[in-house]
C-alpha atoms as a PDB file:
ATOM      1  CA  MET A   1      -8.073  -7.605 -32.667  1.00  0.00           C
ATOM      2  CA  ALA A   2     -10.660  -7.348 -35.435  1.00  0.00           C
ATOM      3  CA  ASP A   3     -10.527  -4.486 -37.917  1.00  0.00           C
ATOM      4  CA  VAL A   4     -12.733  -1.552 -36.908  1.00  0.00           C
ATOM      5  CA  PHE A   5     -13.730  -0.971 -40.564  1.00  0.00           C
ATOM      6  CA  THR A   6     -15.770  -3.085 -42.919  1.00  0.00           C
ATOM      7  CA  GLN A   7     -13.863  -4.629 -45.809  1.00  0.00           C
ATOM      8  CA  SER A   8     -15.191  -2.043 -48.297  1.00  0.00           C
ATOM      9  CA  LYS A   9     -14.413   0.872 -45.941  1.00  0.00           C
ATOM     10  CA  ARG A  10     -10.869  -0.480 -45.338  1.00  0.00           C
ATOM     11  CA  SER A  11     -10.396  -0.710 -49.103  1.00  0.00           C
ATOM     12  CA  GLN A  12     -11.531   2.898 -49.472  1.00  0.00           C
ATOM     13  CA  VAL A  13      -9.198   4.079 -46.686  1.00  0.00           C
ATOM     14  CA  MET A  14      -6.201   2.205 -48.134  1.00  0.00           C
ATOM     15  CA  SER A  15      -6.876   3.517 -51.654  1.00  0.00           C
ATOM     16  CA  ARG A  16      -6.348   7.058 -50.353  1.00  0.00           C
ATOM     17  CA  ILE A  17      -2.735   6.320 -49.374  1.00  0.00           C
ATOM     18  CA  ARG A  18      -0.475   8.094 -51.842  1.00  0.00           C
ATOM     19  CA  SER A  19       2.168   6.159 -53.727  1.00  0.00           C
ATOM     20  CA  HIS A  20       4.079   9.320 -54.677  1.00  0.00           C
ATOM     21  CA  GLY A  21       5.119  12.445 -52.830  1.00  0.00           C
ATOM     22  CA  ASN A  22       5.751  10.889 -49.441  1.00  0.00           C
ATOM     23  CA  LYS A  23       7.307  13.689 -47.372  1.00  0.00           C
ATOM     24  CA  ASN A  24       9.482  11.356 -45.311  1.00  0.00           C
ATOM     25  CA  THR A  25      11.068   9.669 -48.295  1.00  0.00           C
ATOM     26  CA  GLU A  26      10.714  10.974 -51.840  1.00  0.00           C
ATOM     27  CA  LEU A  27      10.412  14.656 -51.027  1.00  0.00           C
ATOM     28  CA  ALA A  28      13.231  14.398 -48.485  1.00  0.00           C
ATOM     29  CA  LEU A  29      15.507  12.905 -51.143  1.00  0.00           C
ATOM     30  CA  ALA A  30      14.522  15.594 -53.676  1.00  0.00           C
ATOM     31  CA  LYS A  31      15.437  18.207 -51.061  1.00  0.00           C
ATOM     32  CA  LEU A  32      18.772  16.439 -50.487  1.00  0.00           C
ATOM     33  CA  PHE A  33      19.490  16.434 -54.243  1.00  0.00           C
ATOM     34  CA  ARG A  34      18.793  20.165 -54.457  1.00  0.00           C
ATOM     35  CA  ALA A  35      20.803  21.047 -51.337  1.00  0.00           C
ATOM     36  CA  ASN A  36      23.836  19.164 -52.667  1.00  0.00           C
ATOM     37  CA  ASP A  37      23.633  20.317 -56.311  1.00  0.00           C
ATOM     38  CA  ILE A  38      22.911  16.816 -57.599  1.00  0.00           C
ATOM     39  CA  THR A  39      21.368  17.451 -60.986  1.00  0.00           C
ATOM     40  CA  GLY A  40      19.960  15.517 -63.905  1.00  0.00           C
ATOM     41  CA  TRP A  41      17.217  13.693 -62.022  1.00  0.00           C
ATOM     42  CA  ARG A  42      13.559  13.464 -62.920  1.00  0.00           C
ATOM     43  CA  ARG A  43      10.499  12.114 -61.137  1.00  0.00           C
ATOM     44  CA  HIS A  44       7.497  10.159 -62.442  1.00  0.00           C
ATOM     45  CA  GLN A  45       9.237   8.888 -65.573  1.00  0.00           C
ATOM     46  CA  PRO A  46       7.799   5.936 -67.535  1.00  0.00           C
ATOM     47  CA  VAL A  47      10.491   3.440 -66.525  1.00  0.00           C
ATOM     48  CA  PHE A  48       9.826  -0.189 -65.568  1.00  0.00           C
ATOM     49  CA  GLY A  49       9.276  -0.616 -61.843  1.00  0.00           C
ATOM     50  CA  LYS A  50       8.279   3.044 -61.350  1.00  0.00           C
ATOM     51  CA  PRO A  51      11.501   4.354 -59.790  1.00  0.00           C
ATOM     52  CA  ASP A  52      11.091   7.325 -57.455  1.00  0.00           C
ATOM     53  CA  PHE A  53      13.843   9.185 -59.321  1.00  0.00           C
ATOM     54  CA  VAL A  54      15.497   8.633 -62.682  1.00  0.00           C
ATOM     55  CA  PHE A  55      18.706  10.076 -64.066  1.00  0.00           C
ATOM     56  CA  PRO A  56      17.731   9.500 -67.725  1.00  0.00           C
ATOM     57  CA  LYS A  57      21.066  10.422 -69.334  1.00  0.00           C
ATOM     58  CA  LEU A  58      22.907   8.119 -66.922  1.00  0.00           C
ATOM     59  CA  ARG A  59      20.286   5.363 -67.070  1.00  0.00           C
ATOM     60  CA  LEU A  60      20.238   5.323 -63.268  1.00  0.00           C
ATOM     61  CA  ALA A  61      17.014   4.429 -61.430  1.00  0.00           C
ATOM     62  CA  VAL A  62      16.713   5.395 -57.757  1.00  0.00           C
ATOM     63  CA  PHE A  63      14.222   3.779 -55.410  1.00  0.00           C
ATOM     64  CA  VAL A  64      13.496   4.973 -51.875  1.00  0.00           C
ATOM     65  CA  ASP A  65      12.342   1.894 -49.979  1.00  0.00           C
ATOM     66  CA  GLY A  66      10.309   2.267 -46.801  1.00  0.00           C
ATOM     67  CA  CYS A  67      11.718   0.213 -43.940  1.00  0.00           C
ATOM     68  CA  PHE A  68       8.384  -1.476 -43.177  1.00  0.00           C
ATOM     69  CA  TRP A  69       7.084  -2.041 -46.712  1.00  0.00           C
ATOM     70  CA  HIS A  70      10.339  -3.412 -48.104  1.00  0.00           C
ATOM     71  CA  SER A  71      11.489  -5.300 -44.971  1.00  0.00           C
ATOM     72  CA  CYS A  72      14.611  -3.369 -44.023  1.00  0.00           C
ATOM     73  CA  PRO A  73      17.055  -5.734 -42.267  1.00  0.00           C
ATOM     74  CA  GLN A  74      17.621  -3.140 -39.505  1.00  0.00           C
ATOM     75  CA  HIS A  75      14.134  -1.763 -38.898  1.00  0.00           C
ATOM     76  CA  ALA A  76      11.524  -4.132 -40.300  1.00  0.00           C
ATOM     77  CA  THR A  77       8.753  -5.118 -37.939  1.00  0.00           C
ATOM     78  CA  LYS A  78       6.491  -8.113 -38.279  1.00  0.00           C
ATOM     79  CA  PRO A  79       2.854  -7.325 -37.490  1.00  0.00           C
ATOM     80  CA  LYS A  80       1.271  -9.757 -35.067  1.00  0.00           C
ATOM     81  CA  ASN A  81      -2.278  -9.171 -36.293  1.00  0.00           C
ATOM     82  CA  ASN A  82      -3.084 -10.972 -39.531  1.00  0.00           C
ATOM     83  CA  ALA A  83       0.513 -12.272 -39.604  1.00  0.00           C
ATOM     84  CA  SER A  84      -0.035 -14.618 -42.537  1.00  0.00           C
ATOM     85  CA  PHE A  85      -1.349 -11.815 -44.757  1.00  0.00           C
ATOM     86  CA  TRP A  86       1.528  -9.491 -43.873  1.00  0.00           C
ATOM     87  CA  ARG A  87       4.173 -12.185 -44.327  1.00  0.00           C
ATOM     88  CA  LYS A  88       2.865 -12.866 -47.862  1.00  0.00           C
ATOM     89  CA  LYS A  89       2.518  -9.156 -48.650  1.00  0.00           C
ATOM     90  CA  LEU A  90       6.018  -8.193 -47.483  1.00  0.00           C
ATOM     91  CA  THR A  91       7.610 -11.236 -49.150  1.00  0.00           C
ATOM     92  CA  ALA A  92       5.868 -10.336 -52.408  1.00  0.00           C
ATOM     93  CA  ASN A  93       7.232  -6.779 -52.102  1.00  0.00           C
ATOM     94  CA  GLN A  94      10.784  -8.112 -51.689  1.00  0.00           C
ATOM     95  CA  LEU A  95      10.396 -10.462 -54.658  1.00  0.00           C
ATOM     96  CA  ARG A  96       9.040  -7.627 -56.806  1.00  0.00           C
ATOM     97  CA  ASP A  97      11.998  -5.420 -55.787  1.00  0.00           C
ATOM     98  CA  LYS A  98      14.428  -8.143 -56.893  1.00  0.00           C
ATOM     99  CA  LEU A  99      12.574  -8.637 -60.191  1.00  0.00           C
ATOM    100  CA  VAL A 100      12.556  -4.908 -60.926  1.00  0.00           C
ATOM    101  CA  THR A 101      16.272  -4.567 -60.112  1.00  0.00           C
ATOM    102  CA  ARG A 102      17.204  -7.586 -62.254  1.00  0.00           C
ATOM    103  CA  THR A 103      15.054  -6.434 -65.172  1.00  0.00           C
ATOM    104  CA  LEU A 104      16.414  -2.885 -65.156  1.00  0.00           C
ATOM    105  CA  ARG A 105      20.015  -4.088 -64.937  1.00  0.00           C
ATOM    106  CA  SER A 106      19.471  -6.534 -67.796  1.00  0.00           C
ATOM    107  CA  THR A 107      18.306  -3.624 -69.963  1.00  0.00           C
ATOM    108  CA  GLY A 108      21.355  -1.476 -69.217  1.00  0.00           C
ATOM    109  CA  TRP A 109      20.152   0.517 -66.225  1.00  0.00           C
ATOM    110  CA  SER A 110      21.947   0.961 -62.918  1.00  0.00           C
ATOM    111  CA  VAL A 111      19.792   0.717 -59.821  1.00  0.00           C
ATOM    112  CA  LEU A 112      20.299   2.502 -56.512  1.00  0.00           C
ATOM    113  CA  ARG A 113      18.077   1.509 -53.599  1.00  0.00           C
ATOM    114  CA  ILE A 114      17.978   3.811 -50.592  1.00  0.00           C
ATOM    115  CA  TRP A 115      16.413   2.777 -47.293  1.00  0.00           C
ATOM    116  CA  GLU A 116      14.051   5.230 -45.628  1.00  0.00           C
ATOM    117  CA  HIS A 117      16.282   5.369 -42.525  1.00  0.00           C
ATOM    118  CA  GLU A 118      19.248   6.510 -44.643  1.00  0.00           C
ATOM    119  CA  LEU A 119      17.444   9.831 -45.154  1.00  0.00           C
ATOM    120  CA  ALA A 120      17.910  10.781 -41.481  1.00  0.00           C
ATOM    121  CA  ALA A 121      19.970  13.941 -40.985  1.00  0.00           C
ATOM    122  CA  LYS A 122      22.761  12.018 -39.243  1.00  0.00           C
ATOM    123  CA  ASN A 123      23.287   9.925 -42.417  1.00  0.00           C
ATOM    124  CA  THR A 124      23.283  12.793 -44.923  1.00  0.00           C
ATOM    125  CA  SER A 125      27.004  12.951 -45.710  1.00  0.00           C
ATOM    126  CA  GLN A 126      27.257   9.176 -46.188  1.00  0.00           C
ATOM    127  CA  LEU A 127      24.169   9.114 -48.390  1.00  0.00           C
ATOM    128  CA  VAL A 128      25.349  12.032 -50.544  1.00  0.00           C
ATOM    129  CA  ALA A 129      28.735  10.311 -50.999  1.00  0.00           C
ATOM    130  CA  ARG A 130      26.989   7.085 -52.001  1.00  0.00           C
ATOM    131  CA  ILE A 131      24.754   8.891 -54.514  1.00  0.00           C
ATOM    132  CA  ARG A 132      27.702  10.786 -56.018  1.00  0.00           C
ATOM    133  CA  LYS A 133      29.671   7.533 -56.314  1.00  0.00           C
ATOM    134  CA  ARG A 134      26.798   5.839 -58.172  1.00  0.00           C
ATOM    135  CA  THR A 135      26.152   8.795 -60.478  1.00  0.00           C
ATOM    136  CA  ASN A 136      29.882   8.992 -61.295  1.00  0.00           C
ATOM    137  CA  GLU A 137      29.976   5.232 -62.018  1.00  0.00           C
ATOM    138  CA  ALA A 138      26.900   5.556 -64.243  1.00  0.00           C
ATOM    139  CA  ARG A 139      28.441   8.567 -66.014  1.00  0.00           C
ATOM    140  CA  ARG A 140      31.658   6.613 -66.732  1.00  0.00           C
ATOM    141  CA  ARG A 141      29.647   3.639 -67.999  1.00  0.00           C
ATOM    142  CA  THR A 142      27.544   5.894 -70.224  1.00  0.00           C
ATOM    143  CA  ASN A 143      30.649   7.662 -71.570  1.00  0.00           C
ATOM    144  CA  SER A 144      32.396   4.367 -72.370  1.00  0.00           C
ATOM    145  CA  ARG A 145      29.256   3.107 -74.152  1.00  0.00           C
ATOM    146  CA  THR A 146      29.110   6.328 -76.184  1.00  0.00           C
ATOM    147  CA  ALA A 147      32.807   6.052 -77.096  1.00  0.00           C
ATOM    148  CA  LYS A 148      32.320   2.451 -78.281  1.00  0.00           C
ATOM    149  CA  THR A 149      29.368   3.516 -80.435  1.00  0.00           C
ATOM    150  CA  ARG A 150      31.374   6.342 -82.010  1.00  0.00           C
ATOM    151  CA  SER A 151      34.386   4.117 -82.756  1.00  0.00           C
ATOM    152  CA  ALA A 152      32.151   1.509 -84.388  1.00  0.00           C
ATOM    153  CA  SER A 153      30.729   4.119 -86.808  1.00  0.00           C
END
């Protein structure tokens, strides 16, 4: 089926889609952090790859990946219309995710990627446990780095 909009109108429509503040993902995770007393996070920080949340003191970057846009193994769908375009687009998204993760890790950051479907109420306790585990690991790593720096002085 052909697009109902002209190319310029489609571009205008797509440009209005927000990249921050998605209620189903980012705001849901912020609410989860608050409800479970997970502190130390910030949003919209100038970190490579534009993580959705950053724990600056722990050097932990958190990304909330949409199941469609990042090709979730459980829920990804493959559009039938304009299949070639979408295949390239979604593959490029996955490659960019890998590049961002590799780059952040190589510069001393930890990376936590959360799938959109993990934010469902039925997954809350597992997700909170996973987040706490990663923040504790990052805290231990940060503390050991600080201790090494102090002993070298």
